C-alpha atoms as a PDB file:
ATOM      1  CA  UNK A   1      -0.097  -0.052   0.278  1.00  0.00           C
ATOM      2  CA  UNK A   2       1.075   3.532  -0.835  1.00  0.00           C
ATOM      3  CA  UNK A   3       1.141   6.390   0.878  1.00  0.00           C
ATOM      4  CA  UNK A   4      -0.275   9.612  -0.883  1.00  0.00           C
ATOM      5  CA  UNK A   5       3.016  11.433  -0.904  1.00  0.00           C
ATOM      6  CA  UNK A   6       5.129   8.118  -2.345  1.00  0.00           C
ATOM      7  CA  UNK A   7       3.194   8.262  -5.210  1.00  0.00           C
ATOM      8  CA  UNK A   8       3.155  12.237  -5.653  1.00  0.00           C
ATOM      9  CA  UNK A   9       7.205  11.747  -5.667  1.00  0.00           C
ATOM     10  CA  UNK A  10       7.382   8.616  -8.248  1.00  0.00           C
ATOM     11  CA  UNK A  11       5.312  10.802 -10.515  1.00  0.00           C
ATOM     12  CA  UNK A  12       7.535  13.168 -10.303  1.00  0.00           C
ATOM     13  CA  UNK A  13      10.589  11.038 -11.203  1.00  0.00           C
ATOM     14  CA  UNK A  14       8.718   9.634 -14.036  1.00  0.00           C
ATOM     15  CA  UNK A  15       7.555  13.240 -15.277  1.00  0.00           C
ATOM     16  CA  UNK A  16      11.697  14.076 -15.495  1.00  0.00           C
ATOM     17  CA  UNK A  17      13.320  11.322 -17.002  1.00  0.00           C
ATOM     18  CA  UNK A  18      12.072  12.435 -20.861  1.00  0.00           C
ATOM     19  CA  UNK A  19      13.835  15.771 -20.276  1.00  0.00           C
ATOM     20  CA  UNK A  20      16.693  14.065 -18.727  1.00  0.00           C
ATOM     21  CA  UNK A  21      16.549  11.624 -22.520  1.00  0.00           C
ATOM     22  CA  UNK A  22      16.214  14.520 -24.345  1.00  0.00           C
ATOM     23  CA  UNK A  23      18.732  16.378 -23.207  1.00  0.00           C
ATOM     24  CA  UNK A  24      21.231  13.351 -23.307  1.00  0.00           C
ATOM     25  CA  UNK A  25      21.481  13.647 -27.010  1.00  0.00           C
ATOM     26  CA  UNK A  26      22.648  17.403 -27.421  1.00  0.00           C
ATOM     27  CA  UNK A  27      25.840  16.164 -24.839  1.00  0.00           C
ATOM     28  CA  UNK A  28      28.965  15.573 -26.587  1.00  0.00           C
ATOM     29  CA  UNK A  29      29.843  11.681 -26.467  1.00  0.00           C
ATOM     30  CA  UNK A  30      32.961  11.366 -25.213  1.00  0.00           C
ATOM     31  CA  UNK A  31      35.128  10.281 -28.382  1.00  0.00           C
ATOM     32  CA  UNK A  32      35.808   6.262 -28.863  1.00  0.00           C
ATOM     33  CA  UNK A  33      39.286   5.061 -27.764  1.00  0.00           C
ATOM     34  CA  UNK A  34      40.857   3.521 -30.883  1.00  0.00           C
ATOM     35  CA  UNK A  35      41.159  -0.132 -31.627  1.00  0.00           C
ATOM     36  CA  UNK A  36      44.650  -2.020 -30.730  1.00  0.00           C
ATOM     37  CA  UNK A  37      46.858  -2.597 -33.294  1.00  0.00           C
ATOM     38  CA  UNK A  38      47.173  -5.570 -34.645  1.00  0.00           C
ATOM     39  CA  UNK A  39      49.410  -7.997 -33.243  1.00  0.00           C
ATOM     40  CA  UNK A  40      52.427  -8.839 -35.626  1.00  0.00           C
ATOM     41  CA  UNK A  41      52.100 -12.544 -34.822  1.00  0.00           C
ATOM     42  CA  UNK A  42      48.537 -13.230 -35.180  1.00  0.00           C
ATOM     43  CA  UNK A  43      47.065 -16.347 -36.766  1.00  0.00           C
ATOM     44  CA  UNK A  44      45.609 -16.500 -40.116  1.00  0.00           C
ATOM     45  CA  UNK A  45      42.043 -15.079 -39.796  1.00  0.00           C
ATOM     46  CA  UNK A  46      39.340 -17.721 -38.861  1.00  0.00           C
ATOM     47  CA  UNK A  47      36.288 -19.285 -40.985  1.00  0.00           C
ATOM     48  CA  UNK A  48      33.611 -17.085 -38.189  1.00  0.00           C
ATOM     49  CA  UNK A  49      35.548 -14.063 -38.279  1.00  0.00           C
ATOM     50  CA  UNK A  50      35.635 -13.864 -42.081  1.00  0.00           C
ATOM     51  CA  UNK A  51      31.572 -14.621 -42.392  1.00  0.00           C
ATOM     52  CA  UNK A  52      30.987 -12.052 -39.172  1.00  0.00           C
ATOM     53  CA  UNK A  53      33.703  -9.140 -41.491  1.00  0.00           C
ATOM     54  CA  UNK A  54      31.501 -10.331 -44.557  1.00  0.00           C
ATOM     55  CA  UNK A  55      28.199  -9.660 -42.945  1.00  0.00           C
ATOM     56  CA  UNK A  56      29.058  -6.593 -41.090  1.00  0.00           C
ATOM     57  CA  UNK A  57      30.725  -4.785 -43.958  1.00  0.00           C
ATOM     58  CA  UNK A  58      28.303  -5.631 -46.853  1.00  0.00           C
ATOM     59  CA  UNK A  59      25.785  -3.082 -47.686  1.00  0.00           C
ATOM     60  CA  UNK A  60      27.553  -0.949 -44.939  1.00  0.00           C
ATOM     61  CA  UNK A  61      26.945   2.874 -46.178  1.00  0.00           C
ATOM     62  CA  UNK A  62      29.970   4.747 -45.376  1.00  0.00           C
ATOM     63  CA  UNK A  63      31.624   8.051 -46.277  1.00  0.00           C
ATOM     64  CA  UNK A  64      34.736   8.526 -49.137  1.00  0.00           C
ATOM     65  CA  UNK A  65      38.056  10.128 -48.182  1.00  0.00           C
ATOM     66  CA  UNK A  66      39.930  10.047 -51.312  1.00  0.00           C
ATOM     67  CA  UNK A  67      38.532  10.527 -55.390  1.00  0.00           C
ATOM     68  CA  UNK A  68      37.810   6.921 -56.746  1.00  0.00           C
ATOM     69  CA  UNK A  69      39.215   6.956 -60.320  1.00  0.00           C
ATOM     70  CA  UNK A  70      36.454   5.781 -62.862  1.00  0.00           C
ATOM     71  CA  UNK A  71      37.161   2.531 -64.896  1.00  0.00           C
ATOM     72  CA  UNK A  72      38.369  -0.986 -63.860  1.00  0.00           C
ATOM     73  CA  UNK A  73      41.209   0.138 -62.026  1.00  0.00           C
ATOM     74  CA  UNK A  74      40.277   0.604 -58.268  1.00  0.00           C
ATOM     75  CA  UNK A  75      42.655   1.998 -55.417  1.00  0.00           C
ATOM     76  CA  UNK A  76      45.497  -0.856 -53.454  1.00  0.00           C
ATOM     77  CA  UNK A  77      46.247   0.301 -49.866  1.00  0.00           C
ATOM     78  CA  UNK A  78      48.667  -1.305 -47.992  1.00  0.00           C
ATOM     79  CA  UNK A  79      50.173  -0.036 -44.367  1.00  0.00           C
ATOM     80  CA  UNK A  80      48.259   3.496 -45.087  1.00  0.00           C
ATOM     81  CA  UNK A  81      49.533   4.161 -48.133  1.00  0.00           C
ATOM     82  CA  UNK A  82      47.199   4.450 -51.381  1.00  0.00           C
ATOM     83  CA  UNK A  83      48.271   3.688 -55.018  1.00  0.00           C
ATOM     84  CA  UNK A  84      48.401   5.169 -57.098  1.00  0.00           C
ATOM     85  CA  UNK A  85      48.665   8.307 -55.479  1.00  0.00           C
ATOM     86  CA  UNK A  86      50.697  11.507 -56.454  1.00  0.00           C
ATOM     87  CA  UNK A  87      51.277  11.862 -59.980  1.00  0.00           C
ATOM     88  CA  UNK A  88      49.952   8.609 -61.598  1.00  0.00           C
ATOM     89  CA  UNK A  89      46.257   9.581 -59.681  1.00  0.00           C
ATOM     90  CA  UNK A  90      46.306  13.350 -61.242  1.00  0.00           C
ATOM     91  CA  UNK A  91      46.712  11.588 -64.605  1.00  0.00           C
ATOM     92  CA  UNK A  92      44.034   8.791 -63.908  1.00  0.00           C
ATOM     93  CA  UNK A  93      41.491  12.036 -62.771  1.00  0.00           C
ATOM     94  CA  UNK A  94      42.226  13.935 -65.710  1.00  0.00           C
ATOM     95  CA  UNK A  95      41.868  11.070 -68.289  1.00  0.00           C
ATOM     96  CA  UNK A  96      39.023   9.226 -66.786  1.00  0.00           C
ATOM     97  CA  UNK A  97      37.320  11.512 -64.454  1.00  0.00           C
ATOM     98  CA  UNK A  98      36.123  10.785 -60.662  1.00  0.00           C
ATOM     99  CA  UNK A  99      34.058   8.056 -60.088  1.00  0.00           C
ATOM    100  CA  UNK A 100      33.049   9.453 -56.373  1.00  0.00           C
ATOM    101  CA  UNK A 101      34.876  12.158 -55.149  1.00  0.00           C
ATOM    102  CA  UNK A 102      35.634  12.810 -51.318  1.00  0.00           C
ATOM    103  CA  UNK A 103      32.816  13.323 -48.830  1.00  0.00           C
ATOM    104  CA  UNK A 104      30.385  11.617 -50.960  1.00  0.00           C
ATOM    105  CA  UNK A 105      28.551   8.924 -49.492  1.00  0.00           C
ATOM    106  CA  UNK A 106      28.872   5.081 -50.664  1.00  0.00           C
ATOM    107  CA  UNK A 107      27.905   1.785 -50.238  1.00  0.00           C
ATOM    108  CA  UNK A 108      30.169  -1.245 -49.325  1.00  0.00           C
ATOM    109  CA  UNK A 109      28.188  -3.772 -52.111  1.00  0.00           C
ATOM    110  CA  UNK A 110      30.164  -7.298 -52.193  1.00  0.00           C
ATOM    111  CA  UNK A 111      33.282  -7.842 -49.744  1.00  0.00           C
ATOM    112  CA  UNK A 112      35.481 -10.894 -50.927  1.00  0.00           C
ATOM    113  CA  UNK A 113      38.775 -12.035 -48.594  1.00  0.00           C
ATOM    114  CA  UNK A 114      41.589 -13.474 -50.176  1.00  0.00           C
ATOM    115  CA  UNK A 115      44.813 -15.140 -48.788  1.00  0.00           C
ATOM    116  CA  UNK A 116      46.892 -11.762 -48.319  1.00  0.00           C
ATOM    117  CA  UNK A 117      44.259  -9.184 -49.595  1.00  0.00           C
ATOM    118  CA  UNK A 118      40.484  -8.248 -48.548  1.00  0.00           C
ATOM    119  CA  UNK A 119      38.818  -6.834 -51.630  1.00  0.00           C
ATOM    120  CA  UNK A 120      35.546  -4.043 -51.090  1.00  0.00           C
ATOM    121  CA  UNK A 121      33.467  -3.482 -53.856  1.00  0.00           C
ATOM    122  CA  UNK A 122      31.517   0.328 -53.656  1.00  0.00           C
ATOM    123  CA  UNK A 123      28.523   1.314 -55.644  1.00  0.00           C
ATOM    124  CA  UNK A 124      28.597  -1.864 -57.517  1.00  0.00           C
ATOM    125  CA  UNK A 125      31.954  -2.130 -58.302  1.00  0.00           C
ATOM    126  CA  UNK A 126      33.598  -1.182 -61.757  1.00  0.00           C
ATOM    127  CA  UNK A 127      31.641  -3.863 -63.566  1.00  0.00           C
ATOM    128  CA  UNK A 128      28.169  -4.473 -62.729  1.00  0.00           C
ATOM    129  CA  UNK A 129      27.193  -7.664 -61.916  1.00  0.00           C
ATOM    130  CA  UNK A 130      24.219  -9.286 -63.540  1.00  0.00           C
ATOM    131  CA  UNK A 131      20.997 -10.579 -61.941  1.00  0.00           C
ATOM    132  CA  UNK A 132      19.645 -13.772 -61.545  1.00  0.00           C
ATOM    133  CA  UNK A 133      17.288 -13.644 -63.902  1.00  0.00           C
ATOM    134  CA  UNK A 134      19.879 -11.668 -66.587  1.00  0.00           C
ATOM    135  CA  UNK A 135      21.734 -15.208 -66.733  1.00  0.00           C
ATOM    136  CA  UNK A 136      18.525 -17.462 -67.904  1.00  0.00           C
ATOM    137  CA  UNK A 137      18.859 -19.028 -71.203  1.00  0.00           C
ATOM    138  CA  UNK A 138      15.975 -19.996 -72.986  1.00  0.00           C
ATOM    139  CA  UNK A 139      16.349 -23.262 -75.684  1.00  0.00           C
ATOM    140  CA  UNK A 140      14.059 -25.175 -78.011  1.00  0.00           C
ATOM    141  CA  UNK A 141      13.489 -28.752 -78.761  1.00  0.00           C
ATOM    142  CA  UNK A 142      16.557 -29.007 -81.508  1.00  0.00           C
ATOM    143  CA  UNK A 143      17.853 -25.543 -81.167  1.00  0.00           C
ATOM    144  CA  UNK A 144      20.762 -23.173 -79.203  1.00  0.00           C
ATOM    145  CA  UNK A 145      20.055 -21.710 -76.520  1.00  0.00           C
ATOM    146  CA  UNK A 146      19.538 -17.932 -76.765  1.00  0.00           C
ATOM    147  CA  UNK A 147      20.414 -15.686 -73.502  1.00  0.00           C
ATOM    148  CA  UNK A 148      17.588 -13.724 -72.424  1.00  0.00           C
ATOM    149  CA  UNK A 149      20.075 -10.324 -71.904  1.00  0.00           C
ATOM    150  CA  UNK A 150      23.517  -9.412 -73.285  1.00  0.00           C
ATOM    151  CA  UNK A 151      26.495 -11.120 -72.356  1.00  0.00           C
ATOM    152  CA  UNK A 152      28.677  -7.961 -72.848  1.00  0.00           C
ATOM    153  CA  UNK A 153      29.985  -6.801 -69.328  1.00  0.00           C
ATOM    154  CA  UNK A 154      28.622  -3.157 -68.879  1.00  0.00           C
ATOM    155  CA  UNK A 155      30.649  -0.858 -66.799  1.00  0.00           C
ATOM    156  CA  UNK A 156      29.537   1.600 -63.832  1.00  0.00           C
ATOM    157  CA  UNK A 157      30.848   4.729 -63.760  1.00  0.00           C
ATOM    158  CA  UNK A 158      30.112   5.265 -60.014  1.00  0.00           C
ATOM    159  CA  UNK A 159      31.915   2.079 -58.886  1.00  0.00           C
ATOM    160  CA  UNK A 160      35.003   1.218 -57.788  1.00  0.00           C
ATOM    161  CA  UNK A 161      36.602  -0.949 -55.115  1.00  0.00           C
ATOM    162  CA  UNK A 162      39.584  -1.322 -53.039  1.00  0.00           C
ATOM    163  CA  UNK A 163      42.152  -3.843 -52.378  1.00  0.00           C
ATOM    164  CA  UNK A 164      43.628  -3.788 -48.556  1.00  0.00           C
ATOM    165  CA  UNK A 165      46.185  -5.759 -48.496  1.00  0.00           C
ATOM    166  CA  UNK A 166      49.043  -7.266 -45.754  1.00  0.00           C
ATOM    167  CA  UNK A 167      52.634  -8.424 -45.655  1.00  0.00           C
ATOM    168  CA  UNK A 168      51.972 -11.742 -45.511  1.00  0.00           C
ATOM    169  CA  UNK A 169      48.422 -12.981 -44.868  1.00  0.00           C
ATOM    170  CA  UNK A 170      45.073 -11.783 -43.606  1.00  0.00           C
ATOM    171  CA  UNK A 171      45.537 -11.714 -39.878  1.00  0.00           C
ATOM    172  CA  UNK A 172      43.076 -12.335 -37.679  1.00  0.00           C
ATOM    173  CA  UNK A 173      41.341  -9.410 -36.847  1.00  0.00           C
ATOM    174  CA  UNK A 174      37.928  -7.660 -35.282  1.00  0.00           C
ATOM    175  CA  UNK A 175      35.551  -5.147 -37.398  1.00  0.00           C
ATOM    176  CA  UNK A 176      36.744  -1.818 -35.573  1.00  0.00           C
ATOM    177  CA  UNK A 177      40.570  -2.429 -36.218  1.00  0.00           C
ATOM    178  CA  UNK A 178      39.229  -3.041 -39.974  1.00  0.00           C
ATOM    179  CA  UNK A 179      37.617   0.001 -40.254  1.00  0.00           C
ATOM    180  CA  UNK A 180      40.606   2.107 -39.219  1.00  0.00           C
ATOM    181  CA  UNK A 181      42.932   0.193 -41.968  1.00  0.00           C
ATOM    182  CA  UNK A 182      40.465   1.569 -44.119  1.00  0.00           C
ATOM    183  CA  UNK A 183      40.067   5.084 -42.809  1.00  0.00           C
ATOM    184  CA  UNK A 184      42.653   6.669 -45.458  1.00  0.00           C
ATOM    185  CA  UNK A 185      39.939   5.589 -48.209  1.00  0.00           C
ATOM    186  CA  UNK A 186      36.736   5.522 -46.186  1.00  0.00           C
ATOM    187  CA  UNK A 187      35.206   6.773 -43.184  1.00  0.00           C
ATOM    188  CA  UNK A 188      32.461   4.767 -41.157  1.00  0.00           C
ATOM    189  CA  UNK A 189      32.030   7.305 -38.180  1.00  0.00           C
ATOM    190  CA  UNK A 190      31.238  10.290 -40.282  1.00  0.00           C
ATOM    191  CA  UNK A 191      27.513  11.865 -39.357  1.00  0.00           C
ATOM    192  CA  UNK A 192      26.918  13.296 -42.686  1.00  0.00           C
ATOM    193  CA  UNK A 193      28.148  14.198 -45.766  1.00  0.00           C
ATOM    194  CA  UNK A 194      29.245  18.144 -44.483  1.00  0.00           C
ATOM    195  CA  UNK A 195      31.666  15.792 -41.919  1.00  0.00           C
ATOM    196  CA  UNK A 196      32.903  13.701 -44.078  1.00  0.00           C
ATOM    197  CA  UNK A 197      33.690  16.610 -46.706  1.00  0.00           C
ATOM    198  CA  UNK A 198      35.659  18.735 -44.044  1.00  0.00           C
ATOM    199  CA  UNK A 199      37.489  16.392 -42.558  1.00  0.00           C
ATOM    200  CA  UNK A 200      39.551  16.102 -46.102  1.00  0.00           C
ATOM    201  CA  UNK A 201      40.268  19.670 -46.782  1.00  0.00           C
ATOM    202  CA  UNK A 202      42.846  21.685 -45.164  1.00  0.00           C
ATOM    203  CA  UNK A 203      41.943  22.997 -41.605  1.00  0.00           C
ATOM    204  CA  UNK A 204      42.697  26.724 -42.723  1.00  0.00           C
ATOM    205  CA  UNK A 205      39.556  25.749 -45.897  1.00  0.00           C
ATOM    206  CA  UNK A 206      37.557  23.840 -42.828  1.00  0.00           C
ATOM    207  CA  UNK A 207      37.502  27.100 -40.343  1.00  0.00           C
ATOM    208  CA  UNK A 208      36.393  29.183 -42.979  1.00  0.00           C
ATOM    209  CA  UNK A 209      33.901  26.884 -44.244  1.00  0.00           C
ATOM    210  CA  UNK A 210      32.360  26.615 -41.196  1.00  0.00           C
ATOM    211  CA  UNK A 211      32.137  30.510 -41.135  1.00  0.00           C
ATOM    212  CA  UNK A 212      30.767  30.388 -44.343  1.00  0.00           C
ATOM    213  CA  UNK A 213      33.547  32.822 -45.835  1.00  0.00           C
ATOM    214  CA  UNK A 214      35.422  32.255 -49.218  1.00  0.00           C
ATOM    215  CA  UNK A 215      39.359  32.462 -49.799  1.00  0.00           C
ATOM    216  CA  UNK A 216      40.924  33.042 -52.407  1.00  0.00           C
ATOM    217  CA  UNK A 217      42.257  30.182 -53.797  1.00  0.00           C
ATOM    218  CA  UNK A 218      39.116  27.399 -53.015  1.00  0.00           C
ATOM    219  CA  UNK A 219      37.619  25.589 -55.637  1.00  0.00           C
ATOM    220  CA  UNK A 220      33.650  25.582 -56.471  1.00  0.00           C
ATOM    221  CA  UNK A 221      32.805  22.889 -54.482  1.00  0.00           C
ATOM    222  CA  UNK A 222      34.448  24.443 -51.344  1.00  0.00           C
ATOM    223  CA  UNK A 223      32.256  27.763 -52.309  1.00  0.00           C
ATOM    224  CA  UNK A 224      29.251  25.714 -52.190  1.00  0.00           C
ATOM    225  CA  UNK A 225      30.057  24.076 -49.157  1.00  0.00           C
ATOM    226  CA  UNK A 226      30.311  27.778 -47.605  1.00  0.00           C
ATOM    227  CA  UNK A 227      27.949  30.210 -49.327  1.00  0.00           C
ATOM    228  CA  UNK A 228      25.436  27.724 -50.582  1.00  0.00           C
ATOM    229  CA  UNK A 229      24.722  27.999 -54.198  1.00  0.00           C
ATOM    230  CA  UNK A 230      25.042  31.524 -55.905  1.00  0.00           C
ATOM    231  CA  UNK A 231      21.450  33.412 -56.966  1.00  0.00           C
ATOM    232  CA  UNK A 232      23.919  34.893 -59.904  1.00  0.00           C
ATOM    233  CA  UNK A 233      26.079  33.721 -62.451  1.00  0.00           C
ATOM    234  CA  UNK A 234      28.237  35.885 -64.978  1.00  0.00           C
ATOM    235  CA  UNK A 235      30.767  34.948 -67.355  1.00  0.00           C
ATOM    236  CA  UNK A 236      32.419  37.382 -68.667  1.00  0.00           C
ATOM    237  CA  UNK A 237      35.971  37.834 -70.474  1.00  0.00           C
ATOM    238  CA  UNK A 238      39.088  39.920 -69.485  1.00  0.00           C
ATOM    239  CA  UNK A 239      41.071  39.639 -72.400  1.00  0.00           C
ATOM    240  CA  UNK A 240      42.391  36.664 -73.457  1.00  0.00           C
ATOM    241  CA  UNK A 241      41.216  34.984 -70.192  1.00  0.00           C
ATOM    242  CA  UNK A 242      37.740  33.804 -69.532  1.00  0.00           C
ATOM    243  CA  UNK A 243      35.844  33.769 -65.968  1.00  0.00           C
ATOM    244  CA  UNK A 244      32.723  32.974 -64.083  1.00  0.00           C
ATOM    245  CA  UNK A 245      31.713  35.396 -60.898  1.00  0.00           C
ATOM    246  CA  UNK A 246      29.168  34.197 -58.191  1.00  0.00           C
ATOM    247  CA  UNK A 247      27.310  37.270 -56.979  1.00  0.00           C
ATOM    248  CA  UNK A 248      25.504  36.129 -53.410  1.00  0.00           C
ATOM    249  CA  UNK A 249      23.872  39.266 -51.980  1.00  0.00           C
ATOM    250  CA  UNK A 250      21.354  42.010 -52.899  1.00  0.00           C
ATOM    251  CA  UNK A 251      21.552  45.578 -52.278  1.00  0.00           C
ATOM    252  CA  UNK A 252      21.002  47.419 -49.838  1.00  0.00           C
ATOM    253  CA  UNK A 253      23.092  44.077 -47.924  1.00  0.00           C
ATOM    254  CA  UNK A 254      26.988  43.243 -48.645  1.00  0.00           C
ATOM    255  CA  UNK A 255      27.102  42.075 -52.102  1.00  0.00           C
ATOM    256  CA  UNK A 256      30.324  39.475 -52.704  1.00  0.00           C
ATOM    257  CA  UNK A 257      31.531  38.784 -56.510  1.00  0.00           C
ATOM    258  CA  UNK A 258      33.810  35.355 -56.647  1.00  0.00           C
ATOM    259  CA  UNK A 259      35.713  35.286 -59.543  1.00  0.00           C
ATOM    260  CA  UNK A 260      36.882  31.501 -60.577  1.00  0.00           C
ATOM    261  CA  UNK A 261      39.254  30.757 -63.613  1.00  0.00           C
ATOM    262  CA  UNK A 262      38.708  26.884 -63.807  1.00  0.00           C
ATOM    263  CA  UNK A 263      38.071  25.527 -60.686  1.00  0.00           C
ATOM    264  CA  UNK A 264      40.288  28.320 -58.869  1.00  0.00           C
ATOM    265  CA  UNK A 265      38.749  31.434 -57.071  1.00  0.00           C
ATOM    266  CA  UNK A 266      41.287  33.960 -58.106  1.00  0.00           C
ATOM    267  CA  UNK A 267      39.869  37.332 -56.990  1.00  0.00           C
ATOM    268  CA  UNK A 268      37.035  38.166 -54.016  1.00  0.00           C
ATOM    269  CA  UNK A 269      35.260  41.282 -54.115  1.00  0.00           C
ATOM    270  CA  UNK A 270      33.426  42.704 -51.321  1.00  0.00           C
ATOM    271  CA  UNK A 271      30.766  45.551 -51.694  1.00  0.00           C
ATOM    272  CA  UNK A 272      30.070  47.459 -48.409  1.00  0.00           C
ATOM    273  CA  UNK A 273      26.508  49.061 -47.468  1.00  0.00           C
ATOM    274  CA  UNK A 274      28.421  52.394 -47.448  1.00  0.00           C
ATOM    275  CA  UNK A 275      29.920  51.710 -50.445  1.00  0.00           C
ATOM    276  CA  UNK A 276      33.044  50.739 -49.724  1.00  0.00           C
ATOM    277  CA  UNK A 277      34.492  48.332 -51.663  1.00  0.00           C
ATOM    278  CA  UNK A 278      37.323  45.122 -50.423  1.00  0.00           C
ATOM    279  CA  UNK A 279      39.006  43.226 -53.240  1.00  0.00           C
ATOM    280  CA  UNK A 280      41.344  40.252 -52.194  1.00  0.00           C
ATOM    281  CA  UNK A 281      43.333  38.611 -55.043  1.00  0.00           C
ATOM    282  CA  UNK A 282      46.396  37.491 -53.388  1.00  0.00           C
ATOM    283  CA  UNK A 283      45.989  33.516 -52.527  1.00  0.00           C
ATOM    284  CA  UNK A 284      45.537  32.696 -49.130  1.00  0.00           C
ATOM    285  CA  UNK A 285      44.802  29.176 -49.553  1.00  0.00           C
ATOM    286  CA  UNK A 286      46.810  26.510 -51.071  1.00  0.00           C
ATOM    287  CA  UNK A 287      45.040  23.143 -52.779  1.00  0.00           C
ATOM    288  CA  UNK A 288      45.831  20.736 -55.018  1.00  0.00           C
ATOM    289  CA  UNK A 289      44.342  20.722 -58.613  1.00  0.00           C
ATOM    290  CA  UNK A 290      44.965  17.072 -60.173  1.00  0.00           C
ATOM    291  CA  UNK A 291      43.119  17.707 -62.980  1.00  0.00           C
ATOM    292  CA  UNK A 292      44.169  20.859 -64.002  1.00  0.00           C
ATOM    293  CA  UNK A 293      47.760  19.567 -63.681  1.00  0.00           C
ATOM    294  CA  UNK A 294      47.646  16.993 -65.159  1.00  0.00           C
ATOM    295  CA  UNK A 295      45.705  18.209 -68.443  1.00  0.00           C
ATOM    296  CA  UNK A 296      48.776  20.761 -68.566  1.00  0.00           C
ATOM    297  CA  UNK A 297      51.547  18.242 -68.464  1.00  0.00           C
ATOM    298  CA  UNK A 298      49.888  16.512 -71.226  1.00  0.00           C
ATOM    299  CA  UNK A 299      49.393  19.389 -73.813  1.00  0.00           C
ATOM    300  CA  UNK A 300      51.778  19.863 -76.093  1.00  0.00           C
ATOM    301  CA  UNK A 301      54.452  22.533 -75.610  1.00  0.00           C
ATOM    302  CA  UNK A 302      54.772  24.380 -79.001  1.00  0.00           C
ATOM    303  CA  UNK A 303      58.375  25.502 -79.721  1.00  0.00           C
ATOM    304  CA  UNK A 304      58.621  28.965 -81.373  1.00  0.00           C
ATOM    305  CA  UNK A 305      59.390  29.019 -84.620  1.00  0.00           C
ATOM    306  CA  UNK A 306      63.118  31.024 -84.212  1.00  0.00           C
ATOM    307  CA  UNK A 307      63.709  29.236 -80.937  1.00  0.00           C
ATOM    308  CA  UNK A 308      68.107  28.636 -80.301  1.00  0.00           C
ATOM    309  CA  UNK A 309      69.560  25.586 -81.041  1.00  0.00           C
ATOM    310  CA  UNK A 310      72.934  24.050 -80.510  1.00  0.00           C
ATOM    311  CA  UNK A 311      73.028  22.025 -82.830  1.00  0.00           C
ATOM    312  CA  UNK A 312      75.661  22.621 -85.644  1.00  0.00           C
ATOM    313  CA  UNK A 313      74.871  23.313 -89.705  1.00  0.00           C
ATOM    314  CA  UNK A 314      73.618  20.198 -91.446  1.00  0.00           C
ATOM    315  CA  UNK A 315      73.000  18.589 -88.473  1.00  0.00           C
ATOM    316  CA  UNK A 316      69.584  16.670 -88.019  1.00  0.00           C
ATOM    317  CA  UNK A 317      66.775  17.782 -85.342  1.00  0.00           C
ATOM    318  CA  UNK A 318      65.761  15.059 -82.647  1.00  0.00           C
ATOM    319  CA  UNK A 319      62.374  15.027 -83.828  1.00  0.00           C
ATOM    320  CA  UNK A 320      63.315  14.179 -87.534  1.00  0.00           C
ATOM    321  CA  UNK A 321      63.451  10.679 -88.230  1.00  0.00           C
ATOM    322  CA  UNK A 322      67.273   9.408 -89.119  1.00  0.00           C
ATOM    323  CA  UNK A 323      68.790   6.406 -91.696  1.00  0.00           C
ATOM    324  CA  UNK A 324      69.048   2.941 -89.730  1.00  0.00           C
ATOM    325  CA  UNK A 325      72.915   3.422 -89.809  1.00  0.00           C
ATOM    326  CA  UNK A 326      72.264   6.714 -87.284  1.00  0.00           C
ATOM    327  CA  UNK A 327      74.160   8.864 -90.129  1.00  0.00           C
ATOM    328  CA  UNK A 328      71.978  11.852 -91.189  1.00  0.00           C
ATOM    329  CA  UNK A 329      72.295  13.015 -94.678  1.00  0.00           C
ATOM    330  CA  UNK A 330      73.675  15.970 -95.227  1.00  0.00           C
ATOM    331  CA  UNK A 331      71.572  18.445 -96.670  1.00  0.00           C
ATOM    332  CA  UNK A 332      71.920  19.013-100.549  1.00  0.00           C
ATOM    333  CA  UNK A 333      73.807  21.919-101.712  1.00  0.00           C
ATOM    334  CA  UNK A 334      71.930  25.388-102.861  1.00  0.00           C
ATOM    335  CA  UNK A 335      71.181  25.547-106.730  1.00  0.00           C
ATOM    336  CA  UNK A 336      73.587  28.079-108.385  1.00  0.00           C
ATOM    337  CA  UNK A 337      71.963  31.502-109.703  1.00  0.00           C
ATOM    338  CA  UNK A 338      70.761  31.556-112.471  1.00  0.00           C
ATOM    339  CA  UNK A 339      69.405  34.639-115.080  1.00  0.00           C
ATOM    340  CA  UNK A 340      65.825  34.170-115.234  1.00  0.00           C
ATOM    341  CA  UNK A 341      63.638  34.018-118.385  1.00  0.00           C
ATOM    342  CA  UNK A 342      62.835  37.853-119.682  1.00  0.00           C
ATOM    343  CA  UNK A 343      59.326  38.897-118.945  1.00  0.00           C
ATOM    344  CA  UNK A 344      57.360  41.647-120.684  1.00  0.00           C
ATOM    345  CA  UNK A 345      53.758  42.107-122.323  1.00  0.00           C
ATOM    346  CA  UNK A 346      53.326  38.958-124.588  1.00  0.00           C
ATOM    347  CA  UNK A 347      55.937  36.988-123.791  1.00  0.00           C
ATOM    348  CA  UNK A 348      55.168  33.244-122.299  1.00  0.00           C
ATOM    349  CA  UNK A 349      57.940  31.809-120.245  1.00  0.00           C
ATOM    350  CA  UNK A 350      58.550  28.266-120.835  1.00  0.00           C
ATOM    351  CA  UNK A 351      58.868  25.734-117.837  1.00  0.00           C
END
């Protein structure tokens, strides 16, 4: 039997619990401790762990931390080093384009564990896999079987893969340890696309984006994250240079004119309410431009006609084909000066 005062106290406690639970999500959760590294003498991965990894990672949504080039060649990850990288990665992105960009969500669609590496396909992989009904073949009594769908493989422009290699064999590990090994290419802890993208850019650019501020040297994707889509766009030409300006704001508020040459911000002009004009053109953040640099290196450099040369008179140029013995023939002597035929009205010169 409960006393009236005790019952009221119980009601007060139950009524205060929803408020406590509502405030709990707003509180910052403590950062999870990093998993222990895999022991160097760890045994081979067991069959049970194989099944658990495949079940845990397949169909899991992640965020990409590095660009995946389009095509059948994916990424190789070993010891935290991504291959291809540097110049090879820039050329691949310039030739084929990215299948997935940093910060974009992706889905692990297939996991296969080999002897010395683990194969992860994202967004269906570079080659589309056939459904069960696409493998059905129809045949008559005396005729050959006819497939119901074409047998040619179909490329997947938004799919790719990453192979995680180990020194000798795939060791015994748990899911947190495997996620830590994949962190250079895939982020399993990001809560949204914005957070995943900000973790892949320089700290100075990240601070500017969080403050909704544009810096000279940013690319278009960074400006979109910082200011959103521009209400107005203007394309003009300054001499031989074509540029595009994104206009943010309208009078009587401040108006920002963000000028792009290619994919890079080269000039920011701000018109204040009081009529003050602020122009910034010096680079404030330095970013890698893999696609643009690779295209510049692939473009043939034109050689001026009157460029100086160290070749001797009569020596063939390097780009001129040479005979099999390697000796270039001497140029023929110039013809002697012969008097030309007389010309005048009514006279025809003979050839």
